[in-house]
PDB file of N, CA and C in Angstrom:
ATOM      1  N   MET A   1     -11.551  -4.144  24.303  1.00  0.00           N
ATOM      2  CA  MET A   1     -12.063  -4.248  22.946  1.00  0.00           C
ATOM      3  C   MET A   1     -12.156  -2.852  22.339  1.00  0.00           C
ATOM      4  N   LEU A   2     -11.653  -2.712  21.114  1.00  0.00           N
ATOM      5  CA  LEU A   2     -11.726  -1.433  20.415  1.00  0.00           C
ATOM      6  C   LEU A   2     -13.060  -1.315  19.693  1.00  0.00           C
ATOM      7  N   THR A   3     -13.698  -0.190  19.853  1.00  0.00           N
ATOM      8  CA  THR A   3     -14.983   0.011  19.180  1.00  0.00           C
ATOM      9  C   THR A   3     -14.922   1.161  18.182  1.00  0.00           C
ATOM     10  N   LYS A   4     -13.902   1.998  18.274  1.00  0.00           N
ATOM     11  CA  LYS A   4     -13.765   3.132  17.366  1.00  0.00           C
ATOM     12  C   LYS A   4     -13.094   2.670  16.079  1.00  0.00           C
ATOM     13  N   PRO A   5     -13.648   3.024  14.913  1.00  0.00           N
ATOM     14  CA  PRO A   5     -13.019   2.613  13.650  1.00  0.00           C
ATOM     15  C   PRO A   5     -11.679   3.326  13.463  1.00  0.00           C
ATOM     16  N   PRO A   6     -10.702   2.681  12.793  1.00  0.00           N
ATOM     17  CA  PRO A   6      -9.401   3.299  12.571  1.00  0.00           C
ATOM     18  C   PRO A   6      -9.522   4.614  11.812  1.00  0.00           C
ATOM     19  N   SER A   7      -8.706   5.593  12.214  1.00  0.00           N
ATOM     20  CA  SER A   7      -8.749   6.896  11.574  1.00  0.00           C
ATOM     21  C   SER A   7      -7.427   7.615  11.733  1.00  0.00           C
ATOM     22  N   ALA A   8      -7.047   8.359  10.705  1.00  0.00           N
ATOM     23  CA  ALA A   8      -5.878   9.228  10.792  1.00  0.00           C
ATOM     24  C   ALA A   8      -6.219  10.474  11.607  1.00  0.00           C
ATOM     25  N   GLU A   9      -7.503  10.688  11.860  1.00  0.00           N
ATOM     26  CA  GLU A   9      -8.011  11.803  12.658  1.00  0.00           C
ATOM     27  C   GLU A   9      -7.539  13.155  12.129  1.00  0.00           C
ATOM     28  N   LEU A  10      -7.569  13.302  10.820  1.00  0.00           N
ATOM     29  CA  LEU A  10      -7.190  14.569  10.221  1.00  0.00           C
ATOM     30  C   LEU A  10      -8.350  15.551  10.170  1.00  0.00           C
ATOM     31  N   LYS A  11      -9.549  15.042  10.199  1.00  0.00           N
ATOM     32  CA  LYS A  11     -10.728  15.899  10.244  1.00  0.00           C
ATOM     33  C   LYS A  11     -11.822  15.178  11.019  1.00  0.00           C
ATOM     34  N   PRO A  12     -12.793  15.904  11.539  1.00  0.00           N
ATOM     35  CA  PRO A  12     -13.850  15.266  12.343  1.00  0.00           C
ATOM     36  C   PRO A  12     -14.605  14.194  11.560  1.00  0.00           C
ATOM     37  N   ASP A  13     -14.913  13.117  12.233  1.00  0.00           N
ATOM     38  CA  ASP A  13     -15.714  12.016  11.682  1.00  0.00           C
ATOM     39  C   ASP A  13     -15.081  11.327  10.478  1.00  0.00           C
ATOM     40  N   GLN A  14     -13.795  11.475  10.296  1.00  0.00           N
ATOM     41  CA  GLN A  14     -13.093  10.795   9.208  1.00  0.00           C
ATOM     42  C   GLN A  14     -12.687   9.401   9.673  1.00  0.00           C
ATOM     43  N   THR A  15     -12.846   8.412   8.808  1.00  0.00           N
ATOM     44  CA  THR A  15     -12.332   7.069   9.089  1.00  0.00           C
ATOM     45  C   THR A  15     -11.467   6.627   7.915  1.00  0.00           C
ATOM     46  N   ASP A  16     -10.583   5.679   8.170  1.00  0.00           N
ATOM     47  CA  ASP A  16      -9.719   5.174   7.104  1.00  0.00           C
ATOM     48  C   ASP A  16     -10.531   4.545   5.984  1.00  0.00           C
ATOM     49  N   GLN A  17     -11.643   3.935   6.339  1.00  0.00           N
ATOM     50  CA  GLN A  17     -12.465   3.262   5.336  1.00  0.00           C
ATOM     51  C   GLN A  17     -13.170   4.232   4.394  1.00  0.00           C
ATOM     52  N   ASP A  18     -13.092   5.539   4.674  1.00  0.00           N
ATOM     53  CA  ASP A  18     -13.643   6.528   3.743  1.00  0.00           C
ATOM     54  C   ASP A  18     -12.823   6.571   2.458  1.00  0.00           C
ATOM     55  N   THR A  19     -11.535   6.279   2.543  1.00  0.00           N
ATOM     56  CA  THR A  19     -10.651   6.392   1.383  1.00  0.00           C
ATOM     57  C   THR A  19      -9.951   5.088   1.018  1.00  0.00           C
ATOM     58  N   LEU A  20     -10.028   4.093   1.871  1.00  0.00           N
ATOM     59  CA  LEU A  20      -9.342   2.827   1.621  1.00  0.00           C
ATOM     60  C   LEU A  20     -10.342   1.691   1.461  1.00  0.00           C
ATOM     61  N   PRO A  21      -9.949   0.645   0.725  1.00  0.00           N
ATOM     62  CA  PRO A  21     -10.805  -0.543   0.683  1.00  0.00           C
ATOM     63  C   PRO A  21     -10.813  -1.211   2.059  1.00  0.00           C
ATOM     64  N   PRO A  22     -11.707  -2.155   2.300  1.00  0.00           N
ATOM     65  CA  PRO A  22     -11.701  -2.871   3.581  1.00  0.00           C
ATOM     66  C   PRO A  22     -10.309  -3.465   3.851  1.00  0.00           C
ATOM     67  N   TYR A  23      -9.920  -3.483   5.122  1.00  0.00           N
ATOM     68  CA  TYR A  23      -8.567  -3.907   5.477  1.00  0.00           C
ATOM     69  C   TYR A  23      -8.213  -5.304   5.000  1.00  0.00           C
ATOM     70  N   ASP A  24      -9.135  -6.248   5.023  1.00  0.00           N
ATOM     71  CA  ASP A  24      -8.793  -7.596   4.566  1.00  0.00           C
ATOM     72  C   ASP A  24      -8.440  -7.588   3.083  1.00  0.00           C
ATOM     73  N   GLN A  25      -9.161  -6.803   2.289  1.00  0.00           N
ATOM     74  CA  GLN A  25      -8.869  -6.685   0.861  1.00  0.00           C
ATOM     75  C   GLN A  25      -7.556  -5.916   0.644  1.00  0.00           C
ATOM     76  N   LEU A  26      -7.369  -4.837   1.379  1.00  0.00           N
ATOM     77  CA  LEU A  26      -6.149  -4.045   1.272  1.00  0.00           C
ATOM     78  C   LEU A  26      -4.928  -4.897   1.622  1.00  0.00           C
ATOM     79  N   ASP A  27      -5.034  -5.687   2.677  1.00  0.00           N
ATOM     80  CA  ASP A  27      -3.930  -6.559   3.081  1.00  0.00           C
ATOM     81  C   ASP A  27      -3.578  -7.563   1.990  1.00  0.00           C
ATOM     82  N   ARG A  28      -4.590  -8.152   1.363  1.00  0.00           N
ATOM     83  CA  ARG A  28      -4.329  -9.128   0.289  1.00  0.00           C
ATOM     84  C   ARG A  28      -3.591  -8.469  -0.871  1.00  0.00           C
ATOM     85  N   ILE A  29      -4.062  -7.297  -1.282  1.00  0.00           N
ATOM     86  CA  ILE A  29      -3.452  -6.599  -2.414  1.00  0.00           C
ATOM     87  C   ILE A  29      -2.011  -6.209  -2.088  1.00  0.00           C
ATOM     88  N   LEU A  30      -1.798  -5.616  -0.914  1.00  0.00           N
ATOM     89  CA  LEU A  30      -0.456  -5.168  -0.548  1.00  0.00           C
ATOM     90  C   LEU A  30       0.504  -6.333  -0.368  1.00  0.00           C
ATOM     91  N   GLU A  31       0.022  -7.425   0.197  1.00  0.00           N
ATOM     92  CA  GLU A  31       0.886  -8.591   0.367  1.00  0.00           C
ATOM     93  C   GLU A  31       1.344  -9.122  -0.980  1.00  0.00           C
ATOM     94  N   ARG A  32       0.417  -9.251  -1.902  1.00  0.00           N
ATOM     95  CA  ARG A  32       0.782  -9.764  -3.232  1.00  0.00           C
ATOM     96  C   ARG A  32       1.740  -8.813  -3.948  1.00  0.00           C
ATOM     97  N   TYR A  33       1.496  -7.503  -3.841  1.00  0.00           N
ATOM     98  CA  TYR A  33       2.322  -6.522  -4.537  1.00  0.00           C
ATOM     99  C   TYR A  33       3.687  -6.348  -3.870  1.00  0.00           C
ATOM    100  N   LEU A  34       3.703  -6.138  -2.561  1.00  0.00           N
ATOM    101  CA  LEU A  34       4.946  -5.811  -1.876  1.00  0.00           C
ATOM    102  C   LEU A  34       5.809  -7.022  -1.558  1.00  0.00           C
ATOM    103  N   LEU A  35       5.199  -8.120  -1.180  1.00  0.00           N
ATOM    104  CA  LEU A  35       5.981  -9.285  -0.785  1.00  0.00           C
ATOM    105  C   LEU A  35       6.208 -10.275  -1.921  1.00  0.00           C
ATOM    106  N   ASP A  36       5.217 -10.406  -2.799  1.00  0.00           N
ATOM    107  CA  ASP A  36       5.313 -11.399  -3.870  1.00  0.00           C
ATOM    108  C   ASP A  36       5.657 -10.789  -5.230  1.00  0.00           C
ATOM    109  N   ASN A  37       5.776  -9.442  -5.282  1.00  0.00           N
ATOM    110  CA  ASN A  37       6.082  -8.732  -6.534  1.00  0.00           C
ATOM    111  C   ASN A  37       5.077  -9.028  -7.648  1.00  0.00           C
ATOM    112  N   ALA A  38       3.833  -9.242  -7.285  1.00  0.00           N
ATOM    113  CA  ALA A  38       2.791  -9.502  -8.282  1.00  0.00           C
ATOM    114  C   ALA A  38       2.414  -8.204  -8.992  1.00  0.00           C
ATOM    115  N   THR A  39       2.015  -8.321 -10.236  1.00  0.00           N
ATOM    116  CA  THR A  39       1.584  -7.160 -11.015  1.00  0.00           C
ATOM    117  C   THR A  39       0.098  -6.905 -10.784  1.00  0.00           C
ATOM    118  N   THR A  40      -0.355  -5.751 -11.273  1.00  0.00           N
ATOM    119  CA  THR A  40      -1.775  -5.414 -11.182  1.00  0.00           C
ATOM    120  C   THR A  40      -2.617  -6.508 -11.830  1.00  0.00           C
ATOM    121  N   GLY A  41      -2.217  -6.947 -13.007  1.00  0.00           N
ATOM    122  CA  GLY A  41      -2.958  -7.987 -13.719  1.00  0.00           C
ATOM    123  C   GLY A  41      -2.999  -9.301 -12.970  1.00  0.00           C
ATOM    124  N   GLN A  42      -1.890  -9.685 -12.376  1.00  0.00           N
ATOM    125  CA  GLN A  42      -1.854 -10.936 -11.620  1.00  0.00           C
ATOM    126  C   GLN A  42      -2.767 -10.864 -10.400  1.00  0.00           C
ATOM    127  N   ILE A  43      -2.741  -9.731  -9.711  1.00  0.00           N
ATOM    128  CA  ILE A  43      -3.582  -9.583  -8.522  1.00  0.00           C
ATOM    129  C   ILE A  43      -5.055  -9.589  -8.916  1.00  0.00           C
ATOM    130  N   ALA A  44      -5.391  -8.890  -9.987  1.00  0.00           N
ATOM    131  CA  ALA A  44      -6.780  -8.849 -10.449  1.00  0.00           C
ATOM    132  C   ALA A  44      -7.231 -10.232 -10.914  1.00  0.00           C
ATOM    133  N   ALA A  45      -6.332 -10.989 -11.536  1.00  0.00           N
ATOM    134  CA  ALA A  45      -6.682 -12.334 -12.014  1.00  0.00           C
ATOM    135  C   ALA A  45      -6.999 -13.282 -10.856  1.00  0.00           C
ATOM    136  N   GLU A  46      -6.556 -12.927  -9.662  1.00  0.00           N
ATOM    137  CA  GLU A  46      -6.819 -13.761  -8.480  1.00  0.00           C
ATOM    138  C   GLU A  46      -8.131 -13.401  -7.803  1.00  0.00           C
ATOM    139  N   GLY A  47      -8.892 -12.477  -8.421  1.00  0.00           N
ATOM    140  CA  GLY A  47     -10.215 -12.185  -7.901  1.00  0.00           C
ATOM    141  C   GLY A  47     -10.423 -10.789  -7.349  1.00  0.00           C
ATOM    142  N   GLU A  48      -9.369  -9.983  -7.275  1.00  0.00           N
ATOM    143  CA  GLU A  48      -9.540  -8.607  -6.801  1.00  0.00           C
ATOM    144  C   GLU A  48     -10.018  -7.733  -7.955  1.00  0.00           C
ATOM    145  N   GLU A  49     -10.822  -6.740  -7.650  1.00  0.00           N
ATOM    146  CA  GLU A  49     -11.321  -5.824  -8.671  1.00  0.00           C
ATOM    147  C   GLU A  49     -10.160  -5.005  -9.225  1.00  0.00           C
ATOM    148  N   ALA A  50      -9.992  -4.995 -10.546  1.00  0.00           N
ATOM    149  CA  ALA A  50      -8.847  -4.342 -11.185  1.00  0.00           C
ATOM    150  C   ALA A  50      -8.764  -2.854 -10.831  1.00  0.00           C
ATOM    151  N   ALA A  51      -9.884  -2.164 -10.793  1.00  0.00           N
ATOM    152  CA  ALA A  51      -9.875  -0.726 -10.476  1.00  0.00           C
ATOM    153  C   ALA A  51      -9.382  -0.492  -9.047  1.00  0.00           C
ATOM    154  N   THR A  52      -9.774  -1.361  -8.130  1.00  0.00           N
ATOM    155  CA  THR A  52      -9.324  -1.236  -6.737  1.00  0.00           C
ATOM    156  C   THR A  52      -7.839  -1.508  -6.634  1.00  0.00           C
ATOM    157  N   VAL A  53      -7.362  -2.522  -7.335  1.00  0.00           N
ATOM    158  CA  VAL A  53      -5.928  -2.843  -7.323  1.00  0.00           C
ATOM    159  C   VAL A  53      -5.136  -1.659  -7.856  1.00  0.00           C
ATOM    160  N   ARG A  54      -5.561  -1.090  -8.985  1.00  0.00           N
ATOM    161  CA  ARG A  54      -4.863   0.066  -9.559  1.00  0.00           C
ATOM    162  C   ARG A  54      -4.849   1.235  -8.588  1.00  0.00           C
ATOM    163  N   ARG A  55      -5.971   1.479  -7.920  1.00  0.00           N
ATOM    164  CA  ARG A  55      -6.062   2.598  -6.975  1.00  0.00           C
ATOM    165  C   ARG A  55      -5.114   2.396  -5.795  1.00  0.00           C
ATOM    166  N   VAL A  56      -5.070   1.187  -5.255  1.00  0.00           N
ATOM    167  CA  VAL A  56      -4.180   0.904  -4.122  1.00  0.00           C
ATOM    168  C   VAL A  56      -2.719   1.053  -4.549  1.00  0.00           C
ATOM    169  N   LEU A  57      -2.351   0.515  -5.698  1.00  0.00           N
ATOM    170  CA  LEU A  57      -0.963   0.605  -6.147  1.00  0.00           C
ATOM    171  C   LEU A  57      -0.594   2.034  -6.500  1.00  0.00           C
ATOM    172  N   ASP A  58      -1.534   2.816  -6.985  1.00  0.00           N
ATOM    173  CA  ASP A  58      -1.281   4.243  -7.215  1.00  0.00           C
ATOM    174  C   ASP A  58      -1.016   4.961  -5.895  1.00  0.00           C
ATOM    175  N   MET A  59      -1.770   4.616  -4.850  1.00  0.00           N
ATOM    176  CA  MET A  59      -1.537   5.229  -3.541  1.00  0.00           C
ATOM    177  C   MET A  59      -0.150   4.874  -3.016  1.00  0.00           C
ATOM    178  N   VAL A  60       0.276   3.627  -3.224  1.00  0.00           N
ATOM    179  CA  VAL A  60       1.614   3.213  -2.801  1.00  0.00           C
ATOM    180  C   VAL A  60       2.665   4.039  -3.544  1.00  0.00           C
ATOM    181  N   SER A  61       2.492   4.204  -4.848  1.00  0.00           N
ATOM    182  CA  SER A  61       3.449   4.975  -5.646  1.00  0.00           C
ATOM    183  C   SER A  61       3.501   6.433  -5.214  1.00  0.00           C
ATOM    184  N   ARG A  62       2.326   7.017  -4.969  1.00  0.00           N
ATOM    185  CA  ARG A  62       2.298   8.435  -4.576  1.00  0.00           C
ATOM    186  C   ARG A  62       2.899   8.668  -3.197  1.00  0.00           C
ATOM    187  N   ALA A  63       2.861   7.671  -2.332  1.00  0.00           N
ATOM    188  CA  ALA A  63       3.382   7.823  -0.977  1.00  0.00           C
ATOM    189  C   ALA A  63       4.851   7.417  -0.869  1.00  0.00           C
ATOM    190  N   GLN A  64       5.450   7.023  -1.964  1.00  0.00           N
ATOM    191  CA  GLN A  64       6.829   6.535  -1.966  1.00  0.00           C
ATOM    192  C   GLN A  64       7.804   7.556  -1.378  1.00  0.00           C
ATOM    193  N   PHE A  65       7.600   8.833  -1.631  1.00  0.00           N
ATOM    194  CA  PHE A  65       8.527   9.857  -1.152  1.00  0.00           C
ATOM    195  C   PHE A  65       8.640   9.857   0.371  1.00  0.00           C
ATOM    196  N   ARG A  66       7.607   9.423   1.059  1.00  0.00           N
ATOM    197  CA  ARG A  66       7.627   9.417   2.525  1.00  0.00           C
ATOM    198  C   ARG A  66       8.671   8.456   3.086  1.00  0.00           C
ATOM    199  N   ARG A  67       8.964   7.411   2.339  1.00  0.00           N
ATOM    200  CA  ARG A  67       9.963   6.452   2.811  1.00  0.00           C
ATOM    201  C   ARG A  67      11.326   7.100   2.923  1.00  0.00           C
ATOM    202  N   ARG A  68      11.639   8.002   2.025  1.00  0.00           N
ATOM    203  CA  ARG A  68      12.947   8.664   2.060  1.00  0.00           C
ATOM    204  C   ARG A  68      13.029   9.666   3.202  1.00  0.00           C
ATOM    205  N   GLN A  69      11.901  10.157   3.685  1.00  0.00           N
ATOM    206  CA  GLN A  69      11.881  11.132   4.767  1.00  0.00           C
ATOM    207  C   GLN A  69      11.903  10.458   6.133  1.00  0.00           C
ATOM    208  N   ALA A  70      11.627   9.192   6.182  1.00  0.00           N
ATOM    209  CA  ALA A  70      11.521   8.490   7.459  1.00  0.00           C
ATOM    210  C   ALA A  70      12.896   8.286   8.093  1.00  0.00           C
ATOM    211  N   ALA A  71      12.894   8.164   9.395  1.00  0.00           N
ATOM    212  CA  ALA A  71      14.129   7.860  10.114  1.00  0.00           C
ATOM    213  C   ALA A  71      14.577   6.443   9.793  1.00  0.00           C
ATOM    214  N   PRO A  72      15.864   6.149   9.898  1.00  0.00           N
ATOM    215  CA  PRO A  72      16.329   4.778   9.649  1.00  0.00           C
ATOM    216  C   PRO A  72      15.652   3.789  10.601  1.00  0.00           C
ATOM    217  N   VAL A  73      15.365   2.600  10.068  1.00  0.00           N
ATOM    218  CA  VAL A  73      14.730   1.551  10.869  1.00  0.00           C
ATOM    219  C   VAL A  73      15.494   0.251  10.683  1.00  0.00           C
ATOM    220  N   LEU A  74      15.296  -0.674  11.597  1.00  0.00           N
ATOM    221  CA  LEU A  74      15.905  -1.986  11.462  1.00  0.00           C
ATOM    222  C   LEU A  74      15.250  -2.750  10.328  1.00  0.00           C
ATOM    223  N   LYS A  75      16.027  -3.427   9.557  1.00  0.00           N
ATOM    224  CA  LYS A  75      15.517  -4.260   8.477  1.00  0.00           C
ATOM    225  C   LYS A  75      15.367  -5.673   9.025  1.00  0.00           C
ATOM    226  N   VAL A  76      14.132  -6.145   9.147  1.00  0.00           N
ATOM    227  CA  VAL A  76      13.882  -7.447   9.770  1.00  0.00           C
ATOM    228  C   VAL A  76      13.470  -8.532   8.779  1.00  0.00           C
ATOM    229  N   THR A  77      13.193  -8.138   7.541  1.00  0.00           N
ATOM    230  CA  THR A  77      12.880  -9.125   6.514  1.00  0.00           C
ATOM    231  C   THR A  77      13.622  -8.746   5.242  1.00  0.00           C
ATOM    232  N   PRO A  78      13.808  -9.678   4.328  1.00  0.00           N
ATOM    233  CA  PRO A  78      14.518  -9.355   3.077  1.00  0.00           C
ATOM    234  C   PRO A  78      13.838  -8.248   2.274  1.00  0.00           C
ATOM    235  N   LEU A  79      12.524  -8.075   2.429  1.00  0.00           N
ATOM    236  CA  LEU A  79      11.800  -7.070   1.653  1.00  0.00           C
ATOM    237  C   LEU A  79      11.350  -5.890   2.496  1.00  0.00           C
ATOM    238  N   ALA A  80      12.016  -5.650   3.615  1.00  0.00           N
ATOM    239  CA  ALA A  80      11.637  -4.522   4.466  1.00  0.00           C
ATOM    240  C   ALA A  80      11.775  -3.220   3.698  1.00  0.00           C
ATOM    241  N   PHE A  81      10.978  -2.232   4.073  1.00  0.00           N
ATOM    242  CA  PHE A  81      11.089  -0.923   3.437  1.00  0.00           C
ATOM    243  C   PHE A  81      12.487  -0.377   3.639  1.00  0.00           C
ATOM    244  N   ASP A  82      12.885   0.543   2.835  1.00  0.00           N
ATOM    245  CA  ASP A  82      14.167   1.207   2.743  1.00  0.00           C
ATOM    246  C   ASP A  82      14.934   0.567   1.606  1.00  0.00           C
ATOM    247  N   THR A  83      16.092  -0.014   1.861  1.00  0.00           N
ATOM    248  CA  THR A  83      16.892  -0.507   0.744  1.00  0.00           C
ATOM    249  C   THR A  83      16.380  -1.821   0.177  1.00  0.00           C
ATOM    250  N   GLY A  84      15.481  -2.499   0.867  1.00  0.00           N
ATOM    251  CA  GLY A  84      14.976  -3.770   0.385  1.00  0.00           C
ATOM    252  C   GLY A  84      14.012  -3.650  -0.771  1.00  0.00           C
ATOM    253  N   ARG A  85      13.442  -2.488  -0.973  1.00  0.00           N
ATOM    254  CA  ARG A  85      12.433  -2.317  -2.015  1.00  0.00           C
ATOM    255  C   ARG A  85      12.599  -0.943  -2.631  1.00  0.00           C
ATOM    256  N   ARG A  86      13.166  -0.876  -3.790  1.00  0.00           N
ATOM    257  CA  ARG A  86      13.410   0.400  -4.453  1.00  0.00           C
ATOM    258  C   ARG A  86      12.444   0.578  -5.617  1.00  0.00           C
ATOM    259  N   ILE A  87      11.728   1.676  -5.597  1.00  0.00           N
ATOM    260  CA  ILE A  87      10.884   2.059  -6.713  1.00  0.00           C
ATOM    261  C   ILE A  87      11.260   3.493  -7.046  1.00  0.00           C
ATOM    262  N   PRO A  88      11.479   3.813  -8.298  1.00  0.00           N
ATOM    263  CA  PRO A  88      11.882   5.181  -8.641  1.00  0.00           C
ATOM    264  C   PRO A  88      10.866   6.210  -8.167  1.00  0.00           C
ATOM    265  N   ILE A  89      11.374   7.276  -7.579  1.00  0.00           N
ATOM    266  CA  ILE A  89      10.500   8.356  -7.132  1.00  0.00           C
ATOM    267  C   ILE A  89      10.321   9.377  -8.243  1.00  0.00           C
ATOM    268  N   ALA A  90      11.299   9.509  -9.110  1.00  0.00           N
ATOM    269  CA  ALA A  90      11.283  10.543 -10.139  1.00  0.00           C
ATOM    270  C   ALA A  90      10.178  10.328 -11.177  1.00  0.00           C
ATOM    271  N   ARG A  91       9.700   9.119 -11.292  1.00  0.00           N
ATOM    272  CA  ARG A  91       8.627   8.866 -12.263  1.00  0.00           C
ATOM    273  C   ARG A  91       7.580   7.986 -11.603  1.00  0.00           C
ATOM    274  N   ARG A  92       6.387   8.141 -12.004  1.00  0.00           N
ATOM    275  CA  ARG A  92       5.322   7.299 -11.460  1.00  0.00           C
ATOM    276  C   ARG A  92       5.448   5.936 -12.105  1.00  0.00           C
ATOM    277  N   TYR A  93       5.554   4.922 -11.281  1.00  0.00           N
ATOM    278  CA  TYR A  93       5.790   3.591 -11.822  1.00  0.00           C
ATOM    279  C   TYR A  93       5.142   2.532 -10.961  1.00  0.00           C
ATOM    280  N   HIS A  94       4.492   1.624 -11.576  1.00  0.00           N
ATOM    281  CA  HIS A  94       4.190   0.317 -11.019  1.00  0.00           C
ATOM    282  C   HIS A  94       3.772  -0.575 -12.170  1.00  0.00           C
ATOM    283  N   GLU A  95       4.115  -1.807 -12.035  1.00  0.00           N
ATOM    284  CA  GLU A  95       3.842  -2.794 -13.076  1.00  0.00           C
ATOM    285  C   GLU A  95       2.335  -2.949 -13.248  1.00  0.00           C
ATOM    286  N   THR A  96       1.856  -3.008 -14.473  1.00  0.00           N
ATOM    287  CA  THR A  96       0.417  -3.173 -14.702  1.00  0.00           C
ATOM    288  C   THR A  96       0.097  -4.526 -15.248  1.00  0.00           C
TER     289      THR A  96
END
């Protein structure tokens, strides 16, 4: 059984929950956005706090450049990262 909270361990006593919403909420938002192509408004209309949805989608947009730096991976689903999901890096973008 794991008892230590998840952490990137970048600094002492840091946990992922210091900067991220609870994982169950984060999973719901990311699933709707990444797999179902839902907009910020659609996700918020389903009961998620609009400010939290915007913050999570902003984090996804800001981290987009990392996908291009990653090593090639097997594509196991139609929407797998890499060529399955293209979002422009040159401009900040996500549907609102």
